[in-house]
Amino acid sequence: MIRYPLAPLAILGAIIALGITPVSAQSSCGPREHLVKLLSDQYKEDPIGIGLAQPGQVLEVFASSNGSWTMVMTRPDGKACLIAAGHNWEMVTKIKGSPI
């Protein structure tokens, strides 16, 4: 498998270039639609999971077929923050009746 150790930094750079506000080295925020478009267009990442976090917040996981992944938290006002990114994502399927 090809590894992209600098992919999270590239995502952060592209997010800053789009005018999404950097919050910390691990987090960048801006309008959700801009972040989703960036992940799709430049990294071929699509949503693979979604869940409710704190009241009104939605956590999404985006991943690509090459293994890159990004976690995004969206607030009720539509502002989304990149909270983690990496590589070598793998989907795990639990077999019914197995202990793990």
PDB file of N, CA and C in Angstrom:
ATOM      1  N   MET A   1       0.842  -1.181   0.000  1.00  0.00           N
ATOM      2  CA  MET A   1       0.000   0.000   0.000  1.00  0.00           C
ATOM      3  C   MET A   1       0.885   1.242   0.000  1.00  0.00           C
ATOM      4  N   ILE A   2       0.505   2.237  -0.769  1.00  0.00           N
ATOM      5  CA  ILE A   2       1.231   3.496  -0.810  1.00  0.00           C
ATOM      6  C   ILE A   2       0.887   4.281   0.447  1.00  0.00           C
ATOM      7  N   ARG A   3       1.900   4.844   1.075  1.00  0.00           N
ATOM      8  CA  ARG A   3       1.670   5.629   2.288  1.00  0.00           C
ATOM      9  C   ARG A   3       1.859   7.102   1.990  1.00  0.00           C
ATOM     10  N   TYR A   4       1.048   7.933   2.601  1.00  0.00           N
ATOM     11  CA  TYR A   4       1.087   9.367   2.413  1.00  0.00           C
ATOM     12  C   TYR A   4       1.263  10.040   3.767  1.00  0.00           C
ATOM     13  N   PRO A   5       2.478   9.998   4.335  1.00  0.00           N
ATOM     14  CA  PRO A   5       2.652  10.546   5.681  1.00  0.00           C
ATOM     15  C   PRO A   5       2.422  12.048   5.781  1.00  0.00           C
ATOM     16  N   LEU A   6       2.507  12.763   4.670  1.00  0.00           N
ATOM     17  CA  LEU A   6       2.305  14.205   4.728  1.00  0.00           C
ATOM     18  C   LEU A   6       0.893  14.615   4.346  1.00  0.00           C
ATOM     19  N   ALA A   7       0.010  13.650   4.057  1.00  0.00           N
ATOM     20  CA  ALA A   7      -1.358  13.969   3.638  1.00  0.00           C
ATOM     21  C   ALA A   7      -2.088  14.863   4.632  1.00  0.00           C
ATOM     22  N   PRO A   8      -2.026  14.607   5.952  1.00  0.00           N
ATOM     23  CA  PRO A   8      -2.736  15.509   6.877  1.00  0.00           C
ATOM     24  C   PRO A   8      -2.225  16.946   6.799  1.00  0.00           C
ATOM     25  N   LEU A   9      -0.923  17.124   6.592  1.00  0.00           N
ATOM     26  CA  LEU A   9      -0.388  18.480   6.467  1.00  0.00           C
ATOM     27  C   LEU A   9      -0.838  19.124   5.167  1.00  0.00           C
ATOM     28  N   ALA A  10      -0.923  18.343   4.102  1.00  0.00           N
ATOM     29  CA  ALA A  10      -1.398  18.871   2.819  1.00  0.00           C
ATOM     30  C   ALA A  10      -2.857  19.304   2.937  1.00  0.00           C
ATOM     31  N   ILE A  11      -3.672  18.516   3.628  1.00  0.00           N
ATOM     32  CA  ILE A  11      -5.073  18.873   3.840  1.00  0.00           C
ATOM     33  C   ILE A  11      -5.148  20.184   4.617  1.00  0.00           C
ATOM     34  N   LEU A  12      -4.357  20.298   5.670  1.00  0.00           N
ATOM     35  CA  LEU A  12      -4.358  21.513   6.479  1.00  0.00           C
ATOM     36  C   LEU A  12      -3.962  22.717   5.633  1.00  0.00           C
ATOM     37  N   GLY A  13      -2.928  22.579   4.787  1.00  0.00           N
ATOM     38  CA  GLY A  13      -2.496  23.673   3.919  1.00  0.00           C
ATOM     39  C   GLY A  13      -3.579  24.094   2.949  1.00  0.00           C
ATOM     40  N   ALA A  14      -4.256  23.118   2.360  1.00  0.00           N
ATOM     41  CA  ALA A  14      -5.327  23.426   1.410  1.00  0.00           C
ATOM     42  C   ALA A  14      -6.494  24.109   2.113  1.00  0.00           C
ATOM     43  N   ILE A  15      -6.802  23.689   3.324  1.00  0.00           N
ATOM     44  CA  ILE A  15      -7.887  24.292   4.093  1.00  0.00           C
ATOM     45  C   ILE A  15      -7.573  25.752   4.392  1.00  0.00           C
ATOM     46  N   ILE A  16      -6.346  26.016   4.785  1.00  0.00           N
ATOM     47  CA  ILE A  16      -5.945  27.394   5.070  1.00  0.00           C
ATOM     48  C   ILE A  16      -6.012  28.230   3.799  1.00  0.00           C
ATOM     49  N   ALA A  17      -5.585  27.651   2.657  1.00  0.00           N
ATOM     50  CA  ALA A  17      -5.630  28.365   1.379  1.00  0.00           C
ATOM     51  C   ALA A  17      -7.062  28.737   0.989  1.00  0.00           C
ATOM     52  N   LEU A  18      -8.041  27.928   1.401  1.00  0.00           N
ATOM     53  CA  LEU A  18      -9.436  28.218   1.091  1.00  0.00           C
ATOM     54  C   LEU A  18     -10.045  29.247   2.046  1.00  0.00           C
ATOM     55  N   GLY A  19      -9.268  29.676   3.028  1.00  0.00           N
ATOM     56  CA  GLY A  19      -9.769  30.685   3.945  1.00  0.00           C
ATOM     57  C   GLY A  19     -10.461  30.110   5.160  1.00  0.00           C
ATOM     58  N   ILE A  20     -10.323  28.815   5.369  1.00  0.00           N
ATOM     59  CA  ILE A  20     -10.895  28.211   6.564  1.00  0.00           C
ATOM     60  C   ILE A  20      -9.946  28.521   7.718  1.00  0.00           C
ATOM     61  N   THR A  21     -10.488  28.972   8.812  1.00  0.00           N
ATOM     62  CA  THR A  21      -9.692  29.475   9.920  1.00  0.00           C
ATOM     63  C   THR A  21      -8.956  28.379  10.669  1.00  0.00           C
ATOM     64  N   PRO A  22      -7.620  28.478  10.780  1.00  0.00           N
ATOM     65  CA  PRO A  22      -6.901  27.498  11.584  1.00  0.00           C
ATOM     66  C   PRO A  22      -7.139  27.746  13.070  1.00  0.00           C
ATOM     67  N   VAL A  23      -7.406  26.690  13.803  1.00  0.00           N
ATOM     68  CA  VAL A  23      -7.623  26.799  15.237  1.00  0.00           C
ATOM     69  C   VAL A  23      -6.400  26.286  15.981  1.00  0.00           C
ATOM     70  N   SER A  24      -5.829  25.184  15.532  1.00  0.00           N
ATOM     71  CA  SER A  24      -4.605  24.636  16.102  1.00  0.00           C
ATOM     72  C   SER A  24      -3.952  23.772  15.040  1.00  0.00           C
ATOM     73  N   ALA A  25      -2.821  23.167  15.362  1.00  0.00           N
ATOM     74  CA  ALA A  25      -2.142  22.306  14.395  1.00  0.00           C
ATOM     75  C   ALA A  25      -2.996  21.106  14.030  1.00  0.00           C
ATOM     76  N   GLN A  26      -3.902  20.715  14.895  1.00  0.00           N
ATOM     77  CA  GLN A  26      -4.738  19.542  14.662  1.00  0.00           C
ATOM     78  C   GLN A  26      -6.145  19.908  14.186  1.00  0.00           C
ATOM     79  N   SER A  27      -6.494  21.168  14.190  1.00  0.00           N
ATOM     80  CA  SER A  27      -7.878  21.527  13.909  1.00  0.00           C
ATOM     81  C   SER A  27      -7.961  22.780  13.054  1.00  0.00           C
ATOM     82  N   SER A  28      -8.789  22.711  11.998  1.00  0.00           N
ATOM     83  CA  SER A  28      -9.095  23.870  11.164  1.00  0.00           C
ATOM     84  C   SER A  28     -10.595  23.916  10.986  1.00  0.00           C
ATOM     85  N   CYS A  29     -11.144  25.124  10.962  1.00  0.00           N
ATOM     86  CA  CYS A  29     -12.590  25.269  10.918  1.00  0.00           C
ATOM     87  C   CYS A  29     -13.034  26.203   9.807  1.00  0.00           C
ATOM     88  N   GLY A  30     -14.254  26.004   9.357  1.00  0.00           N
ATOM     89  CA  GLY A  30     -14.852  26.849   8.342  1.00  0.00           C
ATOM     90  C   GLY A  30     -16.192  26.278   7.940  1.00  0.00           C
ATOM     91  N   PRO A  31     -16.803  26.840   6.904  1.00  0.00           N
ATOM     92  CA  PRO A  31     -18.096  26.338   6.447  1.00  0.00           C
ATOM     93  C   PRO A  31     -17.999  24.866   6.029  1.00  0.00           C
ATOM     94  N   ARG A  32     -18.933  24.048   6.473  1.00  0.00           N
ATOM     95  CA  ARG A  32     -18.901  22.616   6.193  1.00  0.00           C
ATOM     96  C   ARG A  32     -18.823  22.327   4.702  1.00  0.00           C
ATOM     97  N   GLU A  33     -19.622  23.064   3.921  1.00  0.00           N
ATOM     98  CA  GLU A  33     -19.658  22.777   2.480  1.00  0.00           C
ATOM     99  C   GLU A  33     -18.287  22.968   1.827  1.00  0.00           C
ATOM    100  N   HIS A  34     -17.491  23.925   2.299  1.00  0.00           N
ATOM    101  CA  HIS A  34     -16.144  24.130   1.746  1.00  0.00           C
ATOM    102  C   HIS A  34     -15.225  22.966   2.114  1.00  0.00           C
ATOM    103  N   LEU A  35     -15.303  22.549   3.360  1.00  0.00           N
ATOM    104  CA  LEU A  35     -14.456  21.453   3.822  1.00  0.00           C
ATOM    105  C   LEU A  35     -14.804  20.148   3.106  1.00  0.00           C
ATOM    106  N   VAL A  36     -16.085  19.857   2.948  1.00  0.00           N
ATOM    107  CA  VAL A  36     -16.525  18.635   2.265  1.00  0.00           C
ATOM    108  C   VAL A  36     -16.084  18.653   0.805  1.00  0.00           C
ATOM    109  N   LYS A  37     -16.205  19.812   0.148  1.00  0.00           N
ATOM    110  CA  LYS A  37     -15.786  19.933  -1.254  1.00  0.00           C
ATOM    111  C   LYS A  37     -14.283  19.713  -1.390  1.00  0.00           C
ATOM    112  N   LEU A  38     -13.514  20.290  -0.486  1.00  0.00           N
ATOM    113  CA  LEU A  38     -12.066  20.106  -0.505  1.00  0.00           C
ATOM    114  C   LEU A  38     -11.700  18.629  -0.350  1.00  0.00           C
ATOM    115  N   LEU A  39     -12.312  17.966   0.626  1.00  0.00           N
ATOM    116  CA  LEU A  39     -12.006  16.555   0.858  1.00  0.00           C
ATOM    117  C   LEU A  39     -12.367  15.707  -0.350  1.00  0.00           C
ATOM    118  N   SER A  40     -13.456  16.028  -1.002  1.00  0.00           N
ATOM    119  CA  SER A  40     -13.891  15.282  -2.176  1.00  0.00           C
ATOM    120  C   SER A  40     -13.017  15.569  -3.395  1.00  0.00           C
ATOM    121  N   ASP A  41     -12.829  16.842  -3.704  1.00  0.00           N
ATOM    122  CA  ASP A  41     -12.115  17.228  -4.920  1.00  0.00           C
ATOM    123  C   ASP A  41     -10.623  16.889  -4.875  1.00  0.00           C
ATOM    124  N   GLN A  42      -9.975  17.222  -3.767  1.00  0.00           N
ATOM    125  CA  GLN A  42      -8.518  17.070  -3.724  1.00  0.00           C
ATOM    126  C   GLN A  42      -8.049  15.733  -3.162  1.00  0.00           C
ATOM    127  N   TYR A  43      -8.845  15.116  -2.304  1.00  0.00           N
ATOM    128  CA  TYR A  43      -8.386  13.895  -1.643  1.00  0.00           C
ATOM    129  C   TYR A  43      -9.264  12.691  -1.932  1.00  0.00           C
ATOM    130  N   LYS A  44     -10.329  12.903  -2.735  1.00  0.00           N
ATOM    131  CA  LYS A  44     -11.249  11.821  -3.123  1.00  0.00           C
ATOM    132  C   LYS A  44     -11.834  11.123  -1.900  1.00  0.00           C
ATOM    133  N   GLU A  45     -12.005  11.881  -0.818  1.00  0.00           N
ATOM    134  CA  GLU A  45     -12.594  11.341   0.402  1.00  0.00           C
ATOM    135  C   GLU A  45     -14.092  11.591   0.413  1.00  0.00           C
ATOM    136  N   ASP A  46     -14.829  10.545   0.723  1.00  0.00           N
ATOM    137  CA  ASP A  46     -16.283  10.615   0.821  1.00  0.00           C
ATOM    138  C   ASP A  46     -16.708  10.175   2.209  1.00  0.00           C
ATOM    139  N   PRO A  47     -17.906  10.591   2.654  1.00  0.00           N
ATOM    140  CA  PRO A  47     -18.376  10.190   3.978  1.00  0.00           C
ATOM    141  C   PRO A  47     -18.549   8.677   4.064  1.00  0.00           C
ATOM    142  N   ILE A  48     -18.047   8.100   5.153  1.00  0.00           N
ATOM    143  CA  ILE A  48     -18.224   6.656   5.376  1.00  0.00           C
ATOM    144  C   ILE A  48     -18.886   6.373   6.718  1.00  0.00           C
ATOM    145  N   GLY A  49     -19.008   7.399   7.552  1.00  0.00           N
ATOM    146  CA  GLY A  49     -19.648   7.215   8.847  1.00  0.00           C
ATOM    147  C   GLY A  49     -20.093   8.544   9.406  1.00  0.00           C
ATOM    148  N   ILE A  50     -21.141   8.503  10.215  1.00  0.00           N
ATOM    149  CA  ILE A  50     -21.688   9.725  10.798  1.00  0.00           C
ATOM    150  C   ILE A  50     -22.333   9.382  12.144  1.00  0.00           C
ATOM    151  N   GLY A  51     -22.267  10.304  13.079  1.00  0.00           N
ATOM    152  CA  GLY A  51     -22.907  10.093  14.370  1.00  0.00           C
ATOM    153  C   GLY A  51     -23.095  11.397  15.102  1.00  0.00           C
ATOM    154  N   LEU A  52     -24.003  11.392  16.062  1.00  0.00           N
ATOM    155  CA  LEU A  52     -24.236  12.569  16.885  1.00  0.00           C
ATOM    156  C   LEU A  52     -23.225  12.591  18.014  1.00  0.00           C
ATOM    157  N   ALA A  53     -22.683  13.755  18.265  1.00  0.00           N
ATOM    158  CA  ALA A  53     -21.732  13.934  19.359  1.00  0.00           C
ATOM    159  C   ALA A  53     -22.445  14.720  20.443  1.00  0.00           C
ATOM    160  N   GLN A  54     -21.849  15.816  20.885  1.00  0.00           N
ATOM    161  CA  GLN A  54     -22.501  16.661  21.875  1.00  0.00           C
ATOM    162  C   GLN A  54     -23.781  17.202  21.270  1.00  0.00           C
ATOM    163  N   PRO A  55     -24.692  17.666  22.100  1.00  0.00           N
ATOM    164  CA  PRO A  55     -25.977  18.138  21.561  1.00  0.00           C
ATOM    165  C   PRO A  55     -25.799  19.048  20.351  1.00  0.00           C
ATOM    166  N   GLY A  56     -26.394  18.631  19.258  1.00  0.00           N
ATOM    167  CA  GLY A  56     -26.371  19.435  18.048  1.00  0.00           C
ATOM    168  C   GLY A  56     -25.141  19.301  17.186  1.00  0.00           C
ATOM    169  N   GLN A  57     -24.132  18.571  17.628  1.00  0.00           N
ATOM    170  CA  GLN A  57     -22.915  18.412  16.838  1.00  0.00           C
ATOM    171  C   GLN A  57     -22.918  17.057  16.138  1.00  0.00           C
ATOM    172  N   VAL A  58     -22.364  17.054  14.917  1.00  0.00           N
ATOM    173  CA  VAL A  58     -22.308  15.838  14.116  1.00  0.00           C
ATOM    174  C   VAL A  58     -20.851  15.514  13.818  1.00  0.00           C
ATOM    175  N   LEU A  59     -20.467  14.279  14.068  1.00  0.00           N
ATOM    176  CA  LEU A  59     -19.126  13.794  13.750  1.00  0.00           C
ATOM    177  C   LEU A  59     -19.220  12.969  12.472  1.00  0.00           C
ATOM    178  N   GLU A  60     -18.350  13.280  11.500  1.00  0.00           N
ATOM    179  CA  GLU A  60     -18.315  12.521  10.259  1.00  0.00           C
ATOM    180  C   GLU A  60     -16.907  12.008  10.013  1.00  0.00           C
ATOM    181  N   VAL A  61     -16.828  10.828   9.439  1.00  0.00           N
ATOM    182  CA  VAL A  61     -15.553  10.275   8.987  1.00  0.00           C
ATOM    183  C   VAL A  61     -15.618  10.201   7.470  1.00  0.00           C
ATOM    184  N   PHE A  62     -14.580  10.754   6.830  1.00  0.00           N
ATOM    185  CA  PHE A  62     -14.435  10.705   5.382  1.00  0.00           C
ATOM    186  C   PHE A  62     -13.216   9.834   5.085  1.00  0.00           C
ATOM    187  N   ALA A  63     -13.274   9.036   4.028  1.00  0.00           N
ATOM    188  CA  ALA A  63     -12.128   8.207   3.657  1.00  0.00           C
ATOM    189  C   ALA A  63     -12.091   8.035   2.151  1.00  0.00           C
ATOM    190  N   SER A  64     -10.904   7.719   1.652  1.00  0.00           N
ATOM    191  CA  SER A  64     -10.724   7.482   0.218  1.00  0.00           C
ATOM    192  C   SER A  64     -10.292   6.034   0.005  1.00  0.00           C
ATOM    193  N   SER A  65     -10.338   5.610  -1.245  1.00  0.00           N
ATOM    194  CA  SER A  65      -9.928   4.242  -1.576  1.00  0.00           C
ATOM    195  C   SER A  65      -8.433   4.034  -1.402  1.00  0.00           C
ATOM    196  N   ASN A  66      -7.646   5.122  -1.334  1.00  0.00           N
ATOM    197  CA  ASN A  66      -6.203   4.960  -1.115  1.00  0.00           C
ATOM    198  C   ASN A  66      -5.840   4.925   0.358  1.00  0.00           C
ATOM    199  N   GLY A  67      -6.836   5.028   1.249  1.00  0.00           N
ATOM    200  CA  GLY A  67      -6.598   4.890   2.685  1.00  0.00           C
ATOM    201  C   GLY A  67      -6.519   6.181   3.464  1.00  0.00           C
ATOM    202  N   SER A  68      -6.547   7.355   2.797  1.00  0.00           N
ATOM    203  CA  SER A  68      -6.528   8.601   3.564  1.00  0.00           C
ATOM    204  C   SER A  68      -7.882   8.779   4.255  1.00  0.00           C
ATOM    205  N   TRP A  69      -7.883   9.446   5.405  1.00  0.00           N
ATOM    206  CA  TRP A  69      -9.125   9.654   6.146  1.00  0.00           C
ATOM    207  C   TRP A  69      -9.069  10.973   6.896  1.00  0.00           C
ATOM    208  N   THR A  70     -10.261  11.504   7.176  1.00  0.00           N
ATOM    209  CA  THR A  70     -10.403  12.762   7.903  1.00  0.00           C
ATOM    210  C   THR A  70     -11.643  12.688   8.786  1.00  0.00           C
ATOM    211  N   MET A  71     -11.542  13.194  10.016  1.00  0.00           N
ATOM    212  CA  MET A  71     -12.693  13.307  10.908  1.00  0.00           C
ATOM    213  C   MET A  71     -13.075  14.777  10.993  1.00  0.00           C
ATOM    214  N   VAL A  72     -14.373  15.036  10.856  1.00  0.00           N
ATOM    215  CA  VAL A  72     -14.892  16.404  10.847  1.00  0.00           C
ATOM    216  C   VAL A  72     -16.032  16.511  11.855  1.00  0.00           C
ATOM    217  N   MET A  73     -16.001  17.560  12.676  1.00  0.00           N
ATOM    218  CA  MET A  73     -17.084  17.835  13.620  1.00  0.00           C
ATOM    219  C   MET A  73     -17.806  19.084  13.145  1.00  0.00           C
ATOM    220  N   THR A  74     -19.134  18.990  12.989  1.00  0.00           N
ATOM    221  CA  THR A  74     -19.927  20.124  12.517  1.00  0.00           C
ATOM    222  C   THR A  74     -20.877  20.586  13.609  1.00  0.00           C
ATOM    223  N   ARG A  75     -20.879  21.898  13.841  1.00  0.00           N
ATOM    224  CA  ARG A  75     -21.760  22.502  14.835  1.00  0.00           C
ATOM    225  C   ARG A  75     -23.109  22.822  14.203  1.00  0.00           C
ATOM    226  N   PRO A  76     -24.124  23.115  15.013  1.00  0.00           N
ATOM    227  CA  PRO A  76     -25.443  23.448  14.476  1.00  0.00           C
ATOM    228  C   PRO A  76     -25.447  24.653  13.538  1.00  0.00           C
ATOM    229  N   ASP A  77     -24.491  25.576  13.684  1.00  0.00           N
ATOM    230  CA  ASP A  77     -24.448  26.759  12.817  1.00  0.00           C
ATOM    231  C   ASP A  77     -23.801  26.475  11.459  1.00  0.00           C
ATOM    232  N   GLY A  78     -23.376  25.228  11.224  1.00  0.00           N
ATOM    233  CA  GLY A  78     -22.777  24.857   9.945  1.00  0.00           C
ATOM    234  C   GLY A  78     -21.271  24.973   9.902  1.00  0.00           C
ATOM    235  N   LYS A  79     -20.666  25.489  10.961  1.00  0.00           N
ATOM    236  CA  LYS A  79     -19.213  25.575  11.017  1.00  0.00           C
ATOM    237  C   LYS A  79     -18.669  24.185  11.314  1.00  0.00           C
ATOM    238  N   ALA A  80     -17.719  23.756  10.488  1.00  0.00           N
ATOM    239  CA  ALA A  80     -17.123  22.430  10.643  1.00  0.00           C
ATOM    240  C   ALA A  80     -15.651  22.568  10.979  1.00  0.00           C
ATOM    241  N   CYS A  81     -15.153  21.622  11.775  1.00  0.00           N
ATOM    242  CA  CYS A  81     -13.743  21.625  12.151  1.00  0.00           C
ATOM    243  C   CYS A  81     -13.110  20.282  11.830  1.00  0.00           C
ATOM    244  N   LEU A  82     -11.948  20.345  11.223  1.00  0.00           N
ATOM    245  CA  LEU A  82     -11.128  19.166  10.995  1.00  0.00           C
ATOM    246  C   LEU A  82     -10.542  18.797  12.354  1.00  0.00           C
ATOM    247  N   ILE A  83     -10.825  17.587  12.839  1.00  0.00           N
ATOM    248  CA  ILE A  83     -10.319  17.226  14.163  1.00  0.00           C
ATOM    249  C   ILE A  83      -9.244  16.151  14.121  1.00  0.00           C
ATOM    250  N   ALA A  84      -9.132  15.429  13.004  1.00  0.00           N
ATOM    251  CA  ALA A  84      -8.071  14.433  12.858  1.00  0.00           C
ATOM    252  C   ALA A  84      -8.001  14.014  11.400  1.00  0.00           C
ATOM    253  N   ALA A  85      -6.815  13.584  10.981  1.00  0.00           N
ATOM    254  CA  ALA A  85      -6.628  13.081   9.623  1.00  0.00           C
ATOM    255  C   ALA A  85      -5.458  12.109   9.647  1.00  0.00           C
ATOM    256  N   GLY A  86      -5.463  11.190   8.701  1.00  0.00           N
ATOM    257  CA  GLY A  86      -4.374  10.235   8.657  1.00  0.00           C
ATOM    258  C   GLY A  86      -4.426   9.384   7.402  1.00  0.00           C
ATOM    259  N   HIS A  87      -3.794   8.240   7.481  1.00  0.00           N
ATOM    260  CA  HIS A  87      -3.735   7.338   6.332  1.00  0.00           C
ATOM    261  C   HIS A  87      -3.885   5.898   6.801  1.00  0.00           C
ATOM    262  N   ASN A  88      -3.991   4.983   5.854  1.00  0.00           N
ATOM    263  CA  ASN A  88      -4.155   3.545   6.118  1.00  0.00           C
ATOM    264  C   ASN A  88      -5.486   3.211   6.778  1.00  0.00           C
ATOM    265  N   TRP A  89      -6.555   3.916   6.409  1.00  0.00           N
ATOM    266  CA  TRP A  89      -7.882   3.606   6.942  1.00  0.00           C
ATOM    267  C   TRP A  89      -8.332   2.254   6.416  1.00  0.00           C
ATOM    268  N   GLU A  90      -8.913   1.455   7.280  1.00  0.00           N
ATOM    269  CA  GLU A  90      -9.484   0.171   6.886  1.00  0.00           C
ATOM    270  C   GLU A  90     -10.841   0.024   7.550  1.00  0.00           C
ATOM    271  N   MET A  91     -11.807  -0.459   6.788  1.00  0.00           N
ATOM    272  CA  MET A  91     -13.121  -0.740   7.339  1.00  0.00           C
ATOM    273  C   MET A  91     -13.068  -2.118   7.988  1.00  0.00           C
ATOM    274  N   VAL A  92     -13.630  -2.224   9.167  1.00  0.00           N
ATOM    275  CA  VAL A  92     -13.678  -3.491   9.895  1.00  0.00           C
ATOM    276  C   VAL A  92     -15.139  -3.926   9.960  1.00  0.00           C
ATOM    277  N   THR A  93     -15.378  -5.146   9.553  1.00  0.00           N
ATOM    278  CA  THR A  93     -16.731  -5.681   9.587  1.00  0.00           C
ATOM    279  C   THR A  93     -16.805  -6.712  10.711  1.00  0.00           C
ATOM    280  N   LYS A  94     -17.722  -6.497  11.629  1.00  0.00           N
ATOM    281  CA  LYS A  94     -17.907  -7.428  12.730  1.00  0.00           C
ATOM    282  C   LYS A  94     -18.801  -8.558  12.237  1.00  0.00           C
ATOM    283  N   ILE A  95     -18.356  -9.768  12.461  1.00  0.00           N
ATOM    284  CA  ILE A  95     -19.142 -10.944  12.109  1.00  0.00           C
ATOM    285  C   ILE A  95     -20.103 -11.226  13.252  1.00  0.00           C
ATOM    286  N   LYS A  96     -21.379 -11.380  12.925  1.00  0.00           N
ATOM    287  CA  LYS A  96     -22.401 -11.593  13.945  1.00  0.00           C
ATOM    288  C   LYS A  96     -22.022 -12.790  14.814  1.00  0.00           C
ATOM    289  N   GLY A  97     -22.078 -12.598  16.113  1.00  0.00           N
ATOM    290  CA  GLY A  97     -21.771 -13.652  17.064  1.00  0.00           C
ATOM    291  C   GLY A  97     -20.322 -13.711  17.491  1.00  0.00           C
ATOM    292  N   SER A  98     -19.429 -12.933  16.831  1.00  0.00           N
ATOM    293  CA  SER A  98     -18.029 -12.943  17.226  1.00  0.00           C
ATOM    294  C   SER A  98     -17.842 -12.025  18.429  1.00  0.00           C
ATOM    295  N   PRO A  99     -16.858 -12.326  19.297  1.00  0.00           N
ATOM    296  CA  PRO A  99     -16.679 -11.527  20.515  1.00  0.00           C
ATOM    297  C   PRO A  99     -16.177 -10.111  20.243  1.00  0.00           C
ATOM    298  N   ILE A 100     -15.546  -9.856  19.124  1.00  0.00           N
ATOM    299  CA  ILE A 100     -15.012  -8.517  18.844  1.00  0.00           C
ATOM    300  C   ILE A 100     -15.568  -8.001  17.554  1.00  0.00           C
TER     301      ILE A 100
END
